Amino acid sequence: MLYTCYLRKNTVYVPSVGRRGGAYVIMEPVAAIPVSNTEDLRRVFSETIAGGNVPLPLFKGKRPPPVMLKYTGVKSWSAFVRTTLHWNIQEIKGQYQIVGHRVRPDGSWAEDLDHKIVFPMEATLDAVIDRMITILQDAARGQTT
């Protein structure tokens, strides 16, 4: 499983994530929560993850614009990437991890292995969500975009 979140201007965006073939796809609904609202963040992460990575049909025709642009009011994907911080919550073989991302020179995101947290096998999803919220709130204090 994979879930993602974005931090932009003291707002956390938590989209639903589906699977199309072997690829994860950001989709609606997208929750937008002030980073300072710990309880709503906890609830939204729990509900979004409980919804699972739903299977999606393959694309037929033109791809729609990235869903995050609609929610953030940013006009282009490159502007979104430049002004947003990004993390994934992953579960691989029963083990959770949080992976931060950095912007590459070509303007896309790449996993930032310096900002990767691998939890012990016995870690609960609640503990992972609490750590994700702490990371977001700490990052918001330092975010200037």
C-alpha atoms as a PDB file:
ATOM      1  CA  MET A   1       0.000   0.000   0.000  1.00  0.00           C
ATOM      2  CA  LEU A   2       1.013   3.549  -0.623  1.00  0.00           C
ATOM      3  CA  TYR A   3      -0.487   6.831   0.538  1.00  0.00           C
ATOM      4  CA  THR A   4       0.783  10.300  -0.038  1.00  0.00           C
ATOM      5  CA  CYS A   5       0.502  13.749   1.435  1.00  0.00           C
ATOM      6  CA  TYR A   6       1.592  17.212   0.455  1.00  0.00           C
ATOM      7  CA  LEU A   7       2.339  20.301   2.530  1.00  0.00           C
ATOM      8  CA  ARG A   8       1.787  23.693   0.945  1.00  0.00           C
ATOM      9  CA  LYS A   9       1.265  27.013   2.726  1.00  0.00           C
ATOM     10  CA  ASN A  10       0.427  25.418   6.097  1.00  0.00           C
ATOM     11  CA  THR A  11      -2.176  23.124   4.552  1.00  0.00           C
ATOM     12  CA  VAL A  12      -1.807  19.361   4.314  1.00  0.00           C
ATOM     13  CA  TYR A  13      -3.389  17.734   1.272  1.00  0.00           C
ATOM     14  CA  VAL A  14      -4.216  14.040   1.604  1.00  0.00           C
ATOM     15  CA  PRO A  15      -5.515  12.566  -1.646  1.00  0.00           C
ATOM     16  CA  SER A  16      -6.972   9.132  -2.161  1.00  0.00           C
ATOM     17  CA  VAL A  17      -4.599   6.799  -4.005  1.00  0.00           C
ATOM     18  CA  GLY A  18      -5.730   4.133  -6.441  1.00  0.00           C
ATOM     19  CA  ARG A  19      -3.861   1.568  -8.504  1.00  0.00           C
ATOM     20  CA  ARG A  20      -3.902   1.444 -12.263  1.00  0.00           C
ATOM     21  CA  GLY A  21      -1.995  -1.628 -13.349  1.00  0.00           C
ATOM     22  CA  GLY A  22       1.224  -1.474 -11.334  1.00  0.00           C
ATOM     23  CA  ALA A  23       1.149   2.304 -10.875  1.00  0.00           C
ATOM     24  CA  TYR A  24      -0.270   4.298  -7.994  1.00  0.00           C
ATOM     25  CA  VAL A  25      -2.585   7.137  -9.045  1.00  0.00           C
ATOM     26  CA  ILE A  26      -3.500  10.267  -7.056  1.00  0.00           C
ATOM     27  CA  MET A  27      -7.272  10.717  -7.192  1.00  0.00           C
ATOM     28  CA  GLU A  28     -10.252  12.354  -5.534  1.00  0.00           C
ATOM     29  CA  PRO A  29     -11.389  12.852  -2.925  1.00  0.00           C
ATOM     30  CA  VAL A  30      -8.614  15.070  -1.580  1.00  0.00           C
ATOM     31  CA  ALA A  31      -8.769  16.345   1.986  1.00  0.00           C
ATOM     32  CA  ALA A  32      -7.238  19.744   2.790  1.00  0.00           C
ATOM     33  CA  ILE A  33      -6.498  20.274   6.490  1.00  0.00           C
ATOM     34  CA  PRO A  34      -4.618  23.024   8.305  1.00  0.00           C
ATOM     35  CA  VAL A  35      -1.309  21.528   9.467  1.00  0.00           C
ATOM     36  CA  SER A  36      -2.049  22.755  13.003  1.00  0.00           C
ATOM     37  CA  ASN A  37      -5.208  20.609  13.277  1.00  0.00           C
ATOM     38  CA  THR A  38      -3.730  17.410  14.687  1.00  0.00           C
ATOM     39  CA  GLU A  39      -7.016  15.601  15.324  1.00  0.00           C
ATOM     40  CA  ASP A  40      -8.396  16.212  11.820  1.00  0.00           C
ATOM     41  CA  LEU A  41      -5.080  15.126  10.311  1.00  0.00           C
ATOM     42  CA  ARG A  42      -5.171  11.920  12.338  1.00  0.00           C
ATOM     43  CA  ARG A  43      -8.780  11.242  11.288  1.00  0.00           C
ATOM     44  CA  VAL A  44      -8.152  11.957   7.582  1.00  0.00           C
ATOM     45  CA  PHE A  45      -5.031   9.791   7.407  1.00  0.00           C
ATOM     46  CA  SER A  46      -6.868   6.930   9.145  1.00  0.00           C
ATOM     47  CA  GLU A  47      -9.926   7.191   6.891  1.00  0.00           C
ATOM     48  CA  THR A  48      -7.904   7.539   3.686  1.00  0.00           C
ATOM     49  CA  ILE A  49      -5.708   4.562   4.471  1.00  0.00           C
ATOM     50  CA  ALA A  50      -8.716   2.480   5.539  1.00  0.00           C
ATOM     51  CA  GLY A  51     -10.194   3.126   2.078  1.00  0.00           C
ATOM     52  CA  GLY A  52      -7.337   1.181   0.492  1.00  0.00           C
ATOM     53  CA  ASN A  53      -5.672   1.571  -2.886  1.00  0.00           C
ATOM     54  CA  VAL A  54      -8.693   0.898  -5.081  1.00  0.00           C
ATOM     55  CA  PRO A  55      -8.058  -0.695  -8.488  1.00  0.00           C
ATOM     56  CA  LEU A  56      -8.725   1.637 -11.418  1.00  0.00           C
ATOM     57  CA  PRO A  57      -9.358   0.856 -15.081  1.00  0.00           C
ATOM     58  CA  LEU A  58      -6.658   1.620 -17.621  1.00  0.00           C
ATOM     59  CA  PHE A  59      -6.808   5.045 -19.313  1.00  0.00           C
ATOM     60  CA  LYS A  60      -8.718   5.403 -22.524  1.00  0.00           C
ATOM     61  CA  GLY A  61      -8.152   8.700 -24.244  1.00  0.00           C
ATOM     62  CA  LYS A  62      -6.530  11.851 -22.937  1.00  0.00           C
ATOM     63  CA  ARG A  63      -5.245  11.978 -19.367  1.00  0.00           C
ATOM     64  CA  PRO A  64      -6.925  14.543 -17.146  1.00  0.00           C
ATOM     65  CA  PRO A  65      -4.817  17.268 -15.507  1.00  0.00           C
ATOM     66  CA  PRO A  66      -3.255  16.365 -12.151  1.00  0.00           C
ATOM     67  CA  VAL A  67      -5.976  16.415  -9.491  1.00  0.00           C
ATOM     68  CA  MET A  68      -3.806  18.322  -7.006  1.00  0.00           C
ATOM     69  CA  LEU A  69      -3.846  21.479  -9.138  1.00  0.00           C
ATOM     70  CA  LYS A  70      -7.601  21.823  -8.600  1.00  0.00           C
ATOM     71  CA  TYR A  71      -7.255  21.660  -4.808  1.00  0.00           C
ATOM     72  CA  THR A  72      -4.228  23.903  -4.427  1.00  0.00           C
ATOM     73  CA  GLY A  73      -5.127  26.518  -7.019  1.00  0.00           C
ATOM     74  CA  VAL A  74      -1.696  26.164  -8.636  1.00  0.00           C
ATOM     75  CA  LYS A  75      -1.705  26.580 -12.415  1.00  0.00           C
ATOM     76  CA  SER A  76       0.978  24.053 -13.390  1.00  0.00           C
ATOM     77  CA  TRP A  77       2.473  20.836 -12.085  1.00  0.00           C
ATOM     78  CA  SER A  78       5.963  22.360 -12.094  1.00  0.00           C
ATOM     79  CA  ALA A  79       4.769  25.242  -9.886  1.00  0.00           C
ATOM     80  CA  PHE A  80       3.075  22.729  -7.578  1.00  0.00           C
ATOM     81  CA  VAL A  81       6.273  20.699  -7.209  1.00  0.00           C
ATOM     82  CA  ARG A  82       8.385  23.831  -6.614  1.00  0.00           C
ATOM     83  CA  THR A  83       6.121  25.119  -3.814  1.00  0.00           C
ATOM     84  CA  THR A  84       5.127  21.893  -2.086  1.00  0.00           C
ATOM     85  CA  LEU A  85       6.730  19.339   0.228  1.00  0.00           C
ATOM     86  CA  HIS A  86       5.833  15.690  -0.343  1.00  0.00           C
ATOM     87  CA  TRP A  87       5.876  12.410   1.642  1.00  0.00           C
ATOM     88  CA  ASN A  88       4.616   8.866   1.166  1.00  0.00           C
ATOM     89  CA  ILE A  89       3.444   6.410   3.777  1.00  0.00           C
ATOM     90  CA  GLN A  90       4.156   2.894   2.549  1.00  0.00           C
ATOM     91  CA  GLU A  91       3.560  -0.578   3.861  1.00  0.00           C
ATOM     92  CA  ILE A  92       5.832  -3.204   2.354  1.00  0.00           C
ATOM     93  CA  LYS A  93       5.571  -6.811   3.548  1.00  0.00           C
ATOM     94  CA  GLY A  94       3.944  -5.716   6.799  1.00  0.00           C
ATOM     95  CA  GLN A  95       6.491  -3.008   7.590  1.00  0.00           C
ATOM     96  CA  TYR A  96       5.639   0.691   7.468  1.00  0.00           C
ATOM     97  CA  GLN A  97       7.850   3.475   6.256  1.00  0.00           C
ATOM     98  CA  ILE A  98       7.603   7.195   5.674  1.00  0.00           C
ATOM     99  CA  VAL A  99       9.545   8.489   2.716  1.00  0.00           C
ATOM    100  CA  GLY A 100      10.222  12.175   2.098  1.00  0.00           C
ATOM    101  CA  HIS A 101      10.815  13.481  -1.405  1.00  0.00           C
ATOM    102  CA  ARG A 102      13.131  16.084  -2.872  1.00  0.00           C
ATOM    103  CA  VAL A 103      12.909  17.987  -6.134  1.00  0.00           C
ATOM    104  CA  ARG A 104      15.311  16.782  -8.821  1.00  0.00           C
ATOM    105  CA  PRO A 105      17.007  19.150 -11.272  1.00  0.00           C
ATOM    106  CA  ASP A 106      14.469  18.159 -13.953  1.00  0.00           C
ATOM    107  CA  GLY A 107      11.640  19.404 -11.703  1.00  0.00           C
ATOM    108  CA  SER A 108      10.242  16.016 -10.702  1.00  0.00           C
ATOM    109  CA  TRP A 109      10.217  14.391  -7.273  1.00  0.00           C
ATOM    110  CA  ALA A 110      12.546  11.629  -6.145  1.00  0.00           C
ATOM    111  CA  GLU A 111      12.645   9.711  -2.890  1.00  0.00           C
ATOM    112  CA  ASP A 112      14.987  11.373  -0.420  1.00  0.00           C
ATOM    113  CA  LEU A 113      16.711   8.508   1.356  1.00  0.00           C
ATOM    114  CA  ASP A 114      18.015  10.958   3.975  1.00  0.00           C
ATOM    115  CA  HIS A 115      14.380  11.483   4.961  1.00  0.00           C
ATOM    116  CA  LYS A 116      13.223   7.881   5.081  1.00  0.00           C
ATOM    117  CA  ILE A 117      11.981   6.309   8.287  1.00  0.00           C
ATOM    118  CA  VAL A 118      11.577   2.540   8.424  1.00  0.00           C
ATOM    119  CA  PHE A 119       9.481   1.478  11.389  1.00  0.00           C
ATOM    120  CA  PRO A 120       9.960  -1.749  13.358  1.00  0.00           C
ATOM    121  CA  MET A 121       7.715  -4.631  12.267  1.00  0.00           C
ATOM    122  CA  GLU A 122       5.595  -4.249  15.413  1.00  0.00           C
ATOM    123  CA  ALA A 123       4.819  -0.558  14.744  1.00  0.00           C
ATOM    124  CA  THR A 124       1.135   0.251  14.494  1.00  0.00           C
ATOM    125  CA  LEU A 125      -0.465   2.379  11.811  1.00  0.00           C
ATOM    126  CA  ASP A 126      -1.504   4.834  14.542  1.00  0.00           C
ATOM    127  CA  ALA A 127       2.163   5.299  15.506  1.00  0.00           C
ATOM    128  CA  VAL A 128       3.090   5.876  11.859  1.00  0.00           C
ATOM    129  CA  ILE A 129       0.313   8.448  11.435  1.00  0.00           C
ATOM    130  CA  ASP A 130       1.370  10.262  14.610  1.00  0.00           C
ATOM    131  CA  ARG A 131       4.972  10.421  13.331  1.00  0.00           C
ATOM    132  CA  MET A 132       3.768  11.688   9.932  1.00  0.00           C
ATOM    133  CA  ILE A 133       1.828  14.474  11.648  1.00  0.00           C
ATOM    134  CA  THR A 134       4.909  15.458  13.678  1.00  0.00           C
ATOM    135  CA  ILE A 135       7.001  15.577  10.490  1.00  0.00           C
ATOM    136  CA  LEU A 136       4.397  17.754   8.763  1.00  0.00           C
ATOM    137  CA  GLN A 137       4.094  20.157  11.684  1.00  0.00           C
ATOM    138  CA  ASP A 138       7.875  20.446  12.038  1.00  0.00           C
ATOM    139  CA  ALA A 139       8.246  21.034   8.280  1.00  0.00           C
ATOM    140  CA  ALA A 140       5.534  23.710   8.317  1.00  0.00           C
ATOM    141  CA  ARG A 141       7.499  25.705  10.876  1.00  0.00           C
ATOM    142  CA  GLY A 142      10.403  25.813   8.408  1.00  0.00           C
ATOM    143  CA  GLN A 143       8.468  26.119   5.138  1.00  0.00           C
ATOM    144  CA  THR A 144       8.725  29.463   3.368  1.00  0.00           C
ATOM    145  CA  THR A 145       6.756  28.700   0.187  1.00  0.00           C
END
